Amino acid sequence: MTTHRPAALILFPGALGDVLCCWPAAAALRASGSAVTLATRVDLAGLLPGDGLSLDSIERREITDLFAASPIGSATRAYFAAFARIDSFTGAAEPAFTARLTSAAGGAVAVHAFRGMRAGESAVAYYARCLGVAPLLQTLPIDPGAAAWADGLWRAHHLGDRVLALHPGSGSVAKNWHGMAGLADAWRRHGGAVVALLGPAEIERGATIAADAVLAGESLPRVAAVVRRAARYVGNDSGISHLAGLVGARALVLFADSESAVWAPSGPCVTLLHAAPTCDRCGRGQFCIHRLPIARVLAALA
């Protein structure tokens, strides 16, 4: 006998790190018995487990229709009427959005601020509070196909066991530690191998890391497999660091000026390393090696 699971929809915009902070709340809602649809970034397909969870695009026509001024379309009404519960983290500042969503919905509607955290409240706790659940912190599974691809990468580049997966970027230049290239050199001098993970922002900025293998613009499931297989991961306050934490990587995450109490990645093997507050030599807002020396990062990795 098949048990009916009430359908819940979460509308969630934002970058990778934001979505992964919301994931423990979505997982808890799913575990409570709801069939959850998460409307968010399309590149998360293959990354989040599918049992009781389906992904949709936050850009789909029925969702963008909620921001329009024309009459609500029949397809929009049909889409939203299928859900017993809808939580939106978009549109909080637009009363017309809430009115249109409420009109189209078939069940309860709640519209939350995208970032309405209380002082000192973590993003993970905030999104769970909005959904009325306790966050369910689970290790994300690695896609088998991505794991096999990572095995092939290790063989092709003769990477061995002492591999540092290194992500030099983030969504903000001010959060990017200047010591990543020097750290890679030091790790390799001590007999390790380096895999550099470069996203679109790092490629555009021309980031150069002396590495044994470079992953440029690779899919998130493959990135997840690489950071999980590596002996260590190091990164800034970024979405990839959140991903590394959730897949159980041995992760060292570097913080300069952003609030680690709010944005610390979740995970069983995450260590945070904080920079000194200021540097008199490099100017305001620089995440330089004077604020966080390479030797200190190497010691933390050890």
Protein backbone atom coordinates (compact mmCIF):
# COMPACT_ATOMS: atom_id res chain seq x y z
CA MET A 1 0.00 0.00 0.00
CA THR A 2 1.43 3.39 -1.05
CA THR A 3 1.33 6.11 1.59
CA HIS A 4 0.39 9.56 0.33
CA ARG A 5 2.98 12.18 1.20
CA PRO A 6 1.74 15.79 1.34
CA ALA A 7 3.52 17.90 -1.28
CA ALA A 8 5.64 20.84 -0.13
CA LEU A 9 7.33 23.41 -2.36
CA ILE A 10 10.31 25.56 -1.37
CA LEU A 11 11.19 28.50 -3.62
CA PHE A 12 14.83 29.25 -3.00
CA PRO A 13 17.07 31.62 -5.00
CA GLY A 14 20.71 32.34 -4.28
CA ALA A 15 24.17 30.96 -4.78
CA LEU A 16 25.42 27.44 -4.05
CA GLY A 17 26.39 28.16 -0.44
CA ASP A 18 22.95 29.61 0.33
CA VAL A 19 21.19 26.58 -1.12
CA LEU A 20 23.37 24.16 0.82
CA CYS A 21 22.60 26.07 4.02
CA CYS A 22 18.91 25.53 3.27
CA TRP A 23 19.39 21.85 2.43
CA PRO A 24 19.32 20.56 6.07
CA ALA A 25 15.93 22.25 6.53
CA ALA A 26 14.60 20.75 3.29
CA ALA A 27 15.93 17.35 4.34
CA ALA A 28 14.18 17.63 7.71
CA LEU A 29 10.89 18.56 6.02
CA ARG A 30 11.28 15.55 3.75
CA ALA A 31 12.03 13.30 6.74
CA SER A 32 8.86 14.53 8.46
CA GLY A 33 6.79 12.88 5.73
CA SER A 34 6.45 15.54 3.04
CA ALA A 35 7.34 15.07 -0.59
CA VAL A 36 9.50 18.14 -1.14
CA THR A 37 10.09 20.03 -4.36
CA LEU A 38 12.99 22.46 -4.14
CA ALA A 39 12.86 25.14 -6.83
CA THR A 40 16.42 26.44 -7.03
CA ARG A 41 19.58 26.27 -9.16
CA VAL A 42 19.40 23.79 -12.03
CA ASP A 43 23.05 22.71 -11.66
CA LEU A 44 22.25 20.90 -8.39
CA ALA A 45 20.80 17.98 -10.32
CA GLY A 46 22.67 14.81 -9.38
CA LEU A 47 24.02 16.36 -6.19
CA LEU A 48 21.11 16.26 -3.71
CA PRO A 49 19.54 12.84 -3.01
CA GLY A 50 16.26 12.24 -4.84
CA ASP A 51 14.25 10.02 -2.49
CA GLY A 52 11.30 12.21 -1.49
CA LEU A 53 12.96 15.27 -3.01
CA SER A 54 12.62 16.65 -6.52
CA LEU A 55 14.39 19.66 -7.97
CA ASP A 56 12.85 22.33 -10.14
CA SER A 57 14.24 25.50 -11.68
CA ILE A 58 13.65 28.76 -9.84
CA GLU A 59 13.48 30.29 -13.33
CA ARG A 60 10.54 28.21 -14.58
CA ARG A 61 7.75 30.21 -16.20
CA GLU A 62 5.15 29.59 -13.51
CA ILE A 63 7.45 31.03 -10.84
CA THR A 64 8.49 34.09 -12.83
CA ASP A 65 4.77 34.69 -13.51
CA LEU A 66 4.42 35.60 -9.82
CA PHE A 67 6.47 38.76 -10.47
CA ALA A 68 4.35 39.84 -13.47
CA ALA A 69 1.53 42.40 -13.54
CA SER A 70 -0.71 40.52 -15.99
CA PRO A 71 -3.48 38.15 -14.83
CA ILE A 72 -2.17 34.91 -13.34
CA GLY A 73 -1.96 32.22 -16.01
CA SER A 74 -3.85 28.95 -15.77
CA ALA A 75 -0.60 26.97 -15.90
CA THR A 76 0.68 28.96 -12.93
CA ARG A 77 -2.45 28.21 -10.91
CA ALA A 78 -2.25 24.51 -11.80
CA TYR A 79 1.42 24.31 -10.80
CA PHE A 80 1.04 25.90 -7.36
CA ALA A 81 -2.34 24.33 -6.57
CA ALA A 82 -0.65 20.91 -6.48
CA PHE A 83 1.16 21.75 -3.23
CA ALA A 84 -0.29 21.52 0.26
CA ARG A 85 2.42 23.86 1.55
CA ILE A 86 4.58 26.52 -0.09
CA ASP A 87 7.52 28.34 1.51
CA SER A 88 9.18 31.08 -0.52
CA PHE A 89 12.52 32.74 0.20
CA THR A 90 12.02 35.08 -2.73
CA GLY A 91 9.58 37.96 -3.10
CA ALA A 92 9.41 38.97 0.57
CA ALA A 93 9.89 42.64 -0.26
CA GLU A 94 7.10 42.65 -2.87
CA PRO A 95 3.53 42.49 -1.52
CA ALA A 96 2.18 41.82 -5.02
CA PHE A 97 4.28 38.63 -5.20
CA THR A 98 2.80 37.30 -1.96
CA ALA A 99 -0.73 38.16 -3.12
CA ARG A 100 -0.27 36.38 -6.44
CA LEU A 101 1.30 33.32 -4.80
CA THR A 102 -1.51 33.12 -2.26
CA SER A 103 -4.09 33.43 -5.01
CA ALA A 104 -2.50 30.65 -7.07
CA ALA A 105 -1.74 28.29 -4.19
CA GLY A 106 -3.85 25.35 -3.12
CA GLY A 107 -2.55 25.30 0.46
CA ALA A 108 -0.67 27.24 3.12
CA VAL A 109 1.75 29.93 1.95
CA ALA A 110 4.62 31.56 3.85
CA VAL A 111 7.03 34.11 2.37
CA HIS A 112 10.30 34.56 4.27
CA ALA A 113 13.15 37.03 4.01
CA PHE A 114 16.03 35.53 2.05
CA ARG A 115 18.51 36.47 4.80
CA GLY A 116 16.64 37.32 7.97
CA MET A 117 19.04 35.79 10.46
CA ARG A 118 19.02 37.04 14.04
CA ALA A 119 22.29 38.25 15.56
CA GLY A 120 24.65 35.27 15.76
CA GLU A 121 22.14 32.87 14.17
CA SER A 122 23.56 30.53 11.56
CA ALA A 123 22.04 30.45 8.10
CA VAL A 124 21.33 26.73 8.58
CA ALA A 125 19.36 27.45 11.78
CA TYR A 126 17.51 30.37 10.18
CA TYR A 127 16.18 28.43 7.19
CA ALA A 128 15.14 25.57 9.47
CA ARG A 129 13.37 28.01 11.80
CA CYS A 130 11.43 29.43 8.86
CA LEU A 131 10.27 25.94 7.87
CA GLY A 132 9.47 25.00 11.48
CA VAL A 133 11.87 22.05 11.63
CA ALA A 134 15.15 21.13 13.30
CA PRO A 135 17.90 21.01 10.65
CA LEU A 136 18.78 17.48 9.59
CA LEU A 137 22.52 17.37 9.03
CA GLN A 138 23.22 14.41 6.76
CA THR A 139 26.29 13.64 4.69
CA LEU A 140 25.46 14.04 1.03
CA PRO A 141 26.05 10.85 -0.98
CA ILE A 142 28.55 10.84 -3.81
CA ASP A 143 27.12 10.04 -7.23
CA PRO A 144 28.58 6.64 -8.33
CA GLY A 145 29.34 7.90 -11.82
CA ALA A 146 31.13 10.93 -10.41
CA ALA A 147 33.10 8.72 -8.01
CA ALA A 148 34.25 6.53 -10.90
CA TRP A 149 35.27 9.66 -12.82
CA ALA A 150 37.32 10.85 -9.81
CA ASP A 151 39.04 7.46 -9.64
CA GLY A 152 40.02 7.91 -13.28
CA LEU A 153 41.38 11.39 -12.54
CA TRP A 154 43.58 9.95 -9.76
CA ARG A 155 44.94 7.27 -12.09
CA ALA A 156 45.50 9.62 -15.04
CA HIS A 157 47.49 12.12 -12.96
CA HIS A 158 49.15 9.61 -10.57
CA LEU A 159 47.85 11.60 -7.63
CA GLY A 160 48.41 9.13 -4.81
CA ASP A 161 47.08 9.43 -1.27
CA ARG A 162 48.36 12.82 -0.11
CA VAL A 163 46.17 15.07 -2.23
CA LEU A 164 45.10 18.60 -1.35
CA ALA A 165 41.97 19.77 -3.14
CA LEU A 166 42.20 23.54 -3.25
CA HIS A 167 39.50 26.06 -4.21
CA PRO A 168 40.99 29.57 -4.43
CA GLY A 169 37.80 31.52 -5.11
CA SER A 170 34.44 32.59 -3.73
CA GLY A 171 31.61 34.90 -4.69
CA SER A 172 33.55 37.92 -3.42
CA VAL A 173 37.16 38.90 -4.10
CA ALA A 174 37.43 40.25 -0.54
CA LYS A 175 36.90 36.71 0.82
CA ASN A 176 39.67 35.18 -1.30
CA TRP A 177 42.87 34.44 0.60
CA HIS A 178 46.00 35.59 -1.28
CA GLY A 179 48.08 32.64 -0.15
CA MET A 180 46.51 29.83 -2.21
CA ALA A 181 49.27 29.66 -4.84
CA GLY A 182 51.97 29.69 -2.16
CA LEU A 183 50.12 27.02 -0.19
CA ALA A 184 49.96 24.79 -3.27
CA ASP A 185 53.71 25.21 -3.83
CA ALA A 186 54.48 24.37 -0.20
CA TRP A 187 52.22 21.32 -0.20
CA ARG A 188 53.90 19.96 -3.33
CA ARG A 189 57.39 20.67 -1.94
CA HIS A 190 56.47 18.46 1.01
CA GLY A 191 55.61 15.57 -1.31
CA GLY A 192 51.88 16.07 -1.76
CA ALA A 193 49.80 16.57 -4.88
CA VAL A 194 47.37 19.40 -5.56
CA VAL A 195 44.06 19.43 -7.42
CA ALA A 196 42.92 23.00 -8.14
CA LEU A 197 39.18 23.61 -8.42
CA LEU A 198 38.38 26.62 -10.58
CA GLY A 199 34.87 27.92 -11.12
CA PRO A 200 33.71 30.53 -13.68
CA ALA A 201 34.81 33.45 -11.47
CA GLU A 202 38.33 32.07 -11.00
CA ILE A 203 38.66 31.29 -14.71
CA GLU A 204 37.57 34.83 -15.59
CA ARG A 205 40.04 36.34 -13.13
CA GLY A 206 42.86 34.20 -14.54
CA ALA A 207 43.67 32.40 -11.31
CA THR A 208 46.96 30.50 -11.61
CA ILE A 209 47.78 27.63 -9.26
CA ALA A 210 50.67 25.23 -9.80
CA ALA A 211 48.72 21.99 -9.55
CA ASP A 212 48.99 18.36 -10.60
CA ALA A 213 45.44 18.51 -11.95
CA VAL A 214 43.12 21.43 -12.66
CA LEU A 215 39.33 21.15 -12.73
CA ALA A 216 37.91 24.16 -14.55
CA GLY A 217 34.14 24.60 -14.62
CA GLU A 218 33.51 20.94 -13.73
CA SER A 219 30.06 19.71 -12.66
CA LEU A 220 29.14 19.86 -8.98
CA PRO A 221 28.77 16.06 -8.57
CA ARG A 222 32.32 15.60 -9.90
CA VAL A 223 33.67 18.37 -7.67
CA ALA A 224 31.96 16.68 -4.72
CA ALA A 225 33.61 13.37 -5.59
CA VAL A 226 37.06 14.98 -5.84
CA VAL A 227 36.93 16.85 -2.53
CA ARG A 228 35.60 13.74 -0.77
CA ARG A 229 38.40 11.56 -2.20
CA ALA A 230 41.20 14.04 -1.42
CA ALA A 231 43.17 13.76 1.82
CA ARG A 232 42.45 17.43 2.59
CA TYR A 233 40.39 20.29 1.22
CA VAL A 234 41.07 23.99 1.74
CA GLY A 235 38.89 26.86 0.59
CA ASN A 236 37.50 30.27 1.42
CA ASP A 237 34.01 31.13 2.64
CA SER A 238 32.39 29.79 -0.52
CA GLY A 239 29.73 27.46 -1.87
CA ILE A 240 32.33 24.81 -2.68
CA SER A 241 33.46 24.86 0.95
CA HIS A 242 29.85 24.22 2.02
CA LEU A 243 29.76 21.35 -0.46
CA ALA A 244 33.03 19.93 0.90
CA GLY A 245 31.62 19.98 4.43
CA LEU A 246 28.37 18.25 3.50
CA VAL A 247 30.07 15.39 1.63
CA GLY A 248 32.27 14.67 4.65
CA ALA A 249 35.57 15.99 3.27
CA ARG A 250 38.38 16.81 5.70
CA ALA A 251 37.91 20.51 5.11
CA LEU A 252 39.78 23.59 6.29
CA VAL A 253 37.78 26.77 5.62
CA LEU A 254 39.43 30.18 5.81
CA PHE A 255 37.54 33.22 7.09
CA ALA A 256 38.57 36.87 6.84
CA ASP A 257 35.78 39.38 7.46
CA SER A 258 32.56 37.40 6.91
CA GLU A 259 30.75 36.05 9.96
CA SER A 260 31.69 32.42 10.53
CA ALA A 261 28.92 32.11 13.15
CA VAL A 262 26.45 32.67 10.30
CA TRP A 263 28.20 31.10 7.32
CA ALA A 264 30.35 28.27 8.68
CA PRO A 265 29.91 25.15 6.53
CA SER A 266 28.24 22.15 8.12
CA GLY A 267 29.91 18.75 8.19
CA PRO A 268 31.57 16.19 10.43
CA CYS A 269 35.16 17.09 9.48
CA VAL A 270 35.14 20.88 9.05
CA THR A 271 37.76 23.09 10.71
CA LEU A 272 37.58 26.89 10.61
CA LEU A 273 40.65 29.13 10.51
CA HIS A 274 40.24 32.86 11.15
CA ALA A 275 42.54 35.61 9.91
CA ALA A 276 43.85 38.45 12.01
CA PRO A 277 41.45 41.41 11.94
CA THR A 278 43.60 43.84 9.95
CA CYS A 279 46.87 44.30 8.06
CA ASP A 280 48.79 47.58 8.23
CA ARG A 281 50.74 46.81 5.05
CA CYS A 282 48.18 45.68 2.47
CA GLY A 283 45.25 48.00 3.04
CA ARG A 284 41.68 47.64 4.16
CA GLY A 285 39.70 44.64 2.98
CA GLN A 286 42.68 42.59 1.79
CA PHE A 287 42.75 38.90 2.79
CA CYS A 288 46.54 38.79 2.64
CA ILE A 289 49.20 36.38 3.91
CA HIS A 290 50.06 38.81 6.71
CA ARG A 291 46.59 38.35 8.18
CA LEU A 292 46.82 34.59 7.65
CA PRO A 293 50.34 33.23 7.02
CA ILE A 294 50.85 30.19 4.80
CA ALA A 295 52.72 28.42 7.60
CA ARG A 296 49.67 28.69 9.83
CA VAL A 297 47.43 27.15 7.17
CA LEU A 298 49.93 24.32 6.58
CA ALA A 299 50.02 23.62 10.31
CA ALA A 300 46.22 23.45 10.45
CA LEU A 301 46.16 21.06 7.48
CA ALA A 302 48.67 18.83 9.21
